[in-house]
Protein backbone atom coordinates (compact mmCIF):
# COMPACT_ATOMS: atom_id res chain seq x y z
CA MET A 1 39.43 -22.63 -8.29
CA LYS A 2 39.17 -25.54 -9.18
CA VAL A 3 36.04 -27.07 -9.13
CA ASN A 4 35.78 -30.72 -10.93
CA THR A 5 33.18 -31.65 -13.22
CA MET A 6 31.05 -34.74 -12.91
CA ALA A 7 32.56 -35.65 -16.53
CA GLU A 8 35.95 -34.77 -15.49
CA MET A 9 35.94 -37.18 -12.29
CA MET A 10 34.03 -39.70 -14.15
CA ALA A 11 37.01 -39.42 -16.73
CA ALA A 12 39.51 -40.40 -14.01
CA GLY A 13 37.89 -43.08 -12.52
CA GLU A 14 36.84 -41.58 -9.20
CA MET A 15 32.85 -40.76 -7.86
CA PRO A 16 32.17 -38.04 -5.36
CA ASP A 17 31.06 -38.18 -2.39
CA VAL A 18 28.34 -35.97 -3.35
CA LEU A 19 27.24 -33.74 -5.84
CA PHE A 20 27.12 -29.65 -5.34
CA TRP A 21 23.86 -28.77 -7.67
CA VAL A 22 24.65 -24.85 -7.84
CA GLY A 23 21.28 -23.92 -9.20
CA CYS A 24 20.76 -21.06 -11.87
CA ALA A 25 21.03 -18.55 -9.28
CA GLY A 26 24.36 -19.85 -7.76
CA SER A 27 25.39 -20.09 -11.54
CA PHE A 28 24.60 -16.84 -12.91
CA ASP A 29 23.34 -14.37 -10.33
CA GLN A 30 26.47 -12.03 -9.44
CA ARG A 31 25.25 -11.76 -5.56
CA ALA A 32 24.63 -15.66 -5.58
CA GLN A 33 28.09 -16.61 -7.13
CA LYS A 34 29.80 -15.07 -4.08
CA ILE A 35 27.26 -17.96 -2.03
CA THR A 36 28.58 -20.89 -4.70
CA LYS A 37 32.17 -19.59 -3.85
CA ALA A 38 32.25 -19.33 -0.50
CA PHE A 39 30.40 -22.93 0.33
CA ALA A 40 32.26 -24.36 -2.27
CA SER A 41 35.68 -23.25 -0.70
CA ILE A 42 34.36 -24.71 2.71
CA LEU A 43 33.85 -27.74 1.14
CA ASP A 44 37.52 -27.72 0.04
CA LYS A 45 39.04 -26.62 3.30
CA VAL A 46 37.50 -29.40 4.87
CA GLY A 47 38.28 -32.18 2.40
CA VAL A 48 34.74 -33.22 1.06
CA LYS A 49 35.00 -35.03 -2.35
CA TYR A 50 33.00 -33.08 -4.02
CA ALA A 51 31.66 -32.60 -8.21
CA ILE A 52 29.71 -29.97 -10.24
CA LEU A 53 27.53 -30.97 -13.06
CA GLY A 54 28.73 -28.01 -15.15
CA LYS A 55 27.52 -27.08 -18.32
CA GLU A 56 25.15 -30.75 -18.32
CA GLU A 57 23.44 -28.67 -15.03
CA ALA A 58 20.19 -27.46 -16.43
CA CYS A 59 17.16 -25.42 -14.37
CA THR A 60 15.30 -28.16 -12.06
CA GLY A 61 11.96 -26.20 -13.44
CA ASP A 62 10.95 -25.41 -10.31
CA PRO A 63 9.70 -22.00 -11.11
CA ALA A 64 8.43 -23.45 -14.93
CA ARG A 65 6.12 -25.70 -12.02
CA ARG A 66 5.02 -22.90 -9.98
CA ALA A 67 4.28 -20.68 -12.47
CA GLY A 68 2.09 -23.25 -13.94
CA ASN A 69 3.70 -24.77 -16.58
CA GLU A 70 3.80 -28.09 -15.78
CA PHE A 71 5.01 -29.31 -18.66
CA LEU A 72 8.27 -27.88 -19.15
CA PHE A 73 8.79 -28.68 -15.72
CA GLN A 74 8.54 -32.29 -16.73
CA MET A 75 10.69 -31.76 -19.77
CA MET A 76 13.53 -30.29 -18.25
CA ALA A 77 13.42 -32.50 -14.80
CA TYR A 78 13.67 -35.66 -17.05
CA GLN A 79 16.69 -34.29 -18.43
CA ASN A 80 17.86 -33.75 -15.15
CA ILE A 81 16.93 -37.01 -13.69
CA GLN A 82 18.93 -38.76 -17.20
CA VAL A 83 22.11 -37.28 -16.37
CA LEU A 84 22.16 -37.36 -13.10
CA ASN A 85 21.10 -41.23 -12.81
CA GLY A 86 23.30 -41.55 -16.45
CA TYR A 87 26.04 -40.43 -13.49
CA GLY A 88 25.29 -42.91 -10.89
CA ILE A 89 24.74 -40.24 -8.31
CA LYS A 90 23.51 -40.91 -4.81
CA LYS A 91 23.91 -37.65 -2.60
CA ILE A 92 22.89 -34.07 -3.77
CA VAL A 93 24.24 -30.56 -1.90
CA THR A 94 22.86 -27.97 -2.68
CA ALA A 95 22.59 -23.73 -1.53
CA CYS A 96 19.33 -23.41 -2.83
CA PRO A 97 15.91 -24.24 -0.91
CA HIS A 98 14.12 -24.15 -4.10
CA CYS A 99 16.45 -26.92 -5.86
CA PHE A 100 16.66 -28.21 -2.54
CA ASN A 101 13.24 -29.15 -2.17
CA ILE A 102 11.98 -30.51 -6.00
CA LEU A 103 14.86 -32.64 -5.97
CA LYS A 104 13.65 -34.22 -2.44
CA ASN A 105 10.24 -34.58 -2.97
CA GLU A 106 9.23 -33.77 -6.25
CA TYR A 107 12.06 -35.87 -8.55
CA PRO A 108 10.98 -39.31 -6.99
CA GLU A 109 7.81 -39.47 -9.00
CA LEU A 110 9.60 -38.58 -11.99
CA GLY A 111 12.23 -41.73 -11.59
CA GLY A 112 14.77 -38.68 -9.39
CA ASN A 113 15.86 -40.50 -5.97
CA TYR A 114 18.64 -38.62 -4.17
CA GLU A 115 19.49 -38.32 -0.99
CA VAL A 116 19.48 -34.30 -0.75
CA THR A 117 20.84 -32.42 1.67
CA HIS A 118 20.08 -28.22 2.03
CA HIS A 119 23.53 -26.52 2.76
CA THR A 120 23.11 -25.53 6.08
CA SER A 121 22.23 -29.47 7.41
CA PHE A 122 25.34 -30.14 5.36
CA LEU A 123 27.10 -27.86 7.16
CA GLN A 124 25.97 -28.57 10.60
CA GLN A 125 26.79 -31.91 10.23
CA LEU A 126 30.48 -31.11 9.54
CA ILE A 127 30.84 -28.97 12.39
CA ASP A 128 29.13 -31.52 14.74
CA ASP A 129 31.72 -34.06 13.23
CA GLY A 130 34.87 -31.24 14.18
CA ARG A 131 35.48 -30.98 10.75
CA ILE A 132 34.89 -27.16 10.51
CA LYS A 133 36.72 -25.24 13.07
CA MET A 134 35.53 -21.58 14.37
CA LYS A 135 38.34 -18.77 15.04
CA GLU A 136 38.25 -17.45 18.57
CA ASP A 137 37.65 -14.11 17.65
CA GLY A 138 35.78 -14.71 14.55
CA SER A 139 34.14 -11.42 12.68
CA PHE A 140 30.72 -11.89 14.15
CA LYS A 141 31.65 -12.65 17.55
CA GLY A 142 28.87 -11.11 20.27
CA LYS A 143 27.51 -9.35 17.38
CA LYS A 144 23.22 -9.68 16.42
CA ILE A 145 22.27 -11.39 13.35
CA SER A 146 18.77 -12.13 12.69
CA TYR A 147 18.09 -15.19 10.40
CA HIS A 148 14.67 -14.97 7.96
CA ASP A 149 13.67 -18.57 7.52
CA SER A 150 13.11 -19.27 3.42
CA CYS A 151 10.31 -20.70 3.31
CA TYR A 152 11.16 -24.24 1.51
CA LEU A 153 13.58 -24.40 3.61
CA GLY A 154 11.33 -24.26 6.89
CA ARG A 155 7.71 -24.64 6.08
CA ALA A 156 8.26 -26.59 3.21
CA ASN A 157 10.58 -29.12 4.93
CA ASP A 158 10.45 -28.43 8.40
CA ILE A 159 14.42 -27.04 8.47
CA TYR A 160 14.54 -24.80 11.51
CA GLU A 161 17.14 -25.70 13.71
CA ALA A 162 19.99 -26.35 11.69
CA PRO A 163 21.03 -23.45 10.16
CA ARG A 164 20.56 -21.69 13.63
CA LYS A 165 22.65 -24.00 15.16
CA VAL A 166 25.27 -23.19 12.09
CA LEU A 167 25.12 -19.78 13.60
CA GLU A 168 25.21 -20.29 17.09
CA ALA A 169 28.86 -21.78 16.15
CA LEU A 170 29.63 -17.81 15.23
CA ASP A 171 29.49 -16.96 18.80
CA ALA A 172 27.17 -14.16 17.77
CA GLU A 173 23.63 -13.26 19.44
CA LEU A 174 21.01 -14.28 17.00
CA VAL A 175 17.97 -12.37 17.49
CA GLU A 176 14.38 -13.41 16.21
CA MET A 177 12.29 -11.47 13.88
CA LYS A 178 8.44 -11.23 15.00
CA ARG A 179 7.75 -13.80 12.66
CA CYS A 180 10.24 -16.52 12.08
CA ARG A 181 9.82 -20.28 12.30
CA SER A 182 6.63 -21.65 11.03
CA ASN A 183 4.89 -18.49 11.41
CA GLY A 184 8.14 -16.49 8.92
CA LEU A 185 6.76 -14.60 6.34
CA CYS A 186 7.56 -15.24 3.29
CA CYS A 187 10.72 -12.58 1.49
CA GLY A 188 8.24 -12.07 -1.58
CA ALA A 189 10.19 -14.30 -4.28
CA GLY A 190 8.79 -17.64 -3.88
CA GLY A 191 6.47 -19.53 -6.24
CA ALA A 192 8.04 -17.79 -9.20
CA GLN A 193 6.93 -14.27 -8.28
CA MET A 194 10.21 -13.04 -8.43
CA PHE A 195 9.80 -13.42 -11.99
CA LYS A 196 7.01 -11.69 -12.26
CA GLU A 197 5.59 -7.99 -11.76
CA ASP A 198 4.15 -6.67 -8.87
CA GLU A 199 0.46 -6.88 -7.96
CA PRO A 200 -1.71 -3.91 -6.73
CA GLY A 201 -1.15 -3.28 -2.99
CA ASP A 202 -0.06 -0.49 -1.12
CA LYS A 203 3.70 -2.63 0.12
CA ARG A 204 5.65 -5.00 -1.49
CA ILE A 205 6.56 -7.70 0.88
CA ASN A 206 10.16 -7.97 0.86
CA ILE A 207 10.10 -4.53 2.58
CA GLU A 208 7.70 -5.49 4.99
CA ARG A 209 10.18 -8.53 5.55
CA THR A 210 13.33 -5.84 5.94
CA ASP A 211 11.65 -3.88 8.00
CA GLU A 212 10.90 -6.87 10.84
CA ALA A 213 14.70 -7.73 10.79
CA LEU A 214 15.54 -4.13 10.76
CA ALA A 215 13.30 -3.83 13.42
CA THR A 216 15.45 -6.44 15.73
CA GLY A 217 18.64 -4.12 15.53
CA ALA A 218 20.82 -7.05 14.05
CA SER A 219 23.91 -5.52 12.17
CA PHE A 220 23.56 -8.59 10.08
CA ILE A 221 20.27 -10.38 8.62
CA ALA A 222 21.56 -14.02 7.66
CA SER A 223 19.65 -16.15 4.90
CA ALA A 224 20.13 -19.28 3.35
CA CYS A 225 18.31 -18.89 0.45
CA PRO A 226 19.99 -16.77 -2.81
CA PHE A 227 16.56 -15.27 -3.81
CA CYS A 228 15.88 -14.41 0.08
CA ASN A 229 19.03 -13.04 -0.47
CA THR A 230 18.19 -10.70 -2.94
CA MET A 231 15.05 -9.39 -1.42
CA MET A 232 16.35 -8.94 1.66
CA SER A 233 19.60 -6.84 0.19
CA ASP A 234 16.34 -5.14 -1.96
CA GLY A 235 14.86 -3.83 1.06
CA VAL A 236 17.70 -2.95 3.38
CA LYS A 237 18.67 -1.13 0.02
CA ASN A 238 14.66 0.74 -0.59
CA ARG A 239 15.56 1.72 3.42
CA GLU A 240 19.16 3.15 2.62
CA LYS A 241 20.94 0.81 5.62
CA GLU A 242 23.35 -0.65 3.83
CA THR A 243 26.35 0.90 5.73
CA GLU A 244 24.44 -0.24 9.26
CA VAL A 245 22.90 -3.80 7.98
CA MET A 246 24.64 -6.30 5.85
CA VAL A 247 22.80 -9.25 4.17
CA LEU A 248 24.86 -12.40 4.36
CA ASP A 249 24.06 -16.17 3.38
CA ILE A 250 24.65 -18.71 6.38
CA ALA A 251 27.89 -20.49 4.20
CA GLU A 252 29.25 -16.87 3.62
CA MET A 253 29.58 -16.27 7.49
CA ILE A 254 31.35 -19.77 7.45
CA ALA A 255 33.84 -19.06 4.95
CA VAL A 256 35.09 -16.17 6.85
CA SER A 257 35.13 -17.21 10.58
CA MET A 258 36.72 -20.96 9.79
CA VAL A 259 40.11 -22.14 10.94
């Protein structure tokens, strides 16, 4: 895929409509790279003029701040803000709720003011505007899909409808888990928990959450966060259900269902 970096665009005297913030997971995690590619292919298909920072993009500092290393967070944030402001970036879209939350809500106090959109809201807008058109008989038609609310998208930013509206466009049957929306259960990865050892207990959070998803009888678990995706996939593997249940990001579902 040919994806322009901001440096290349600026050199050509162009400015993108939106900057696609890829994030660490989307850049380095093999599973999350597929989500990045799916979202980029959607942007290409509908003709959105976008760019990425490429090697100039550093971690937002979210895991550092959540784990209590404020000094490291501020160092990383200032570095990113300098790059973003240097390019005069106004609009950012990202497929990671952690990046979304910190860029939108915590960067402004350090001088980084941008219009930040999560990819589910961005996709919903594209569908509403008629720019994304679905196949008549898509691969998810009539299938049961259960959507897992990401904490940083739902409870932290009150985004519950956009991902569900996007999934509705697939003509599938949306089945909710027992705990959903503002009562949703964390996948177990947020707040830098992904990077530390388990604490004493008798059940992992991601297994608890996966059991709730499996109880719906859905053949697809839809997520909107690379961390949630990993945790739910691990849960499905743990329960030996990977032949029956697939964990997919909403962008991947749209990418294969587009005309």
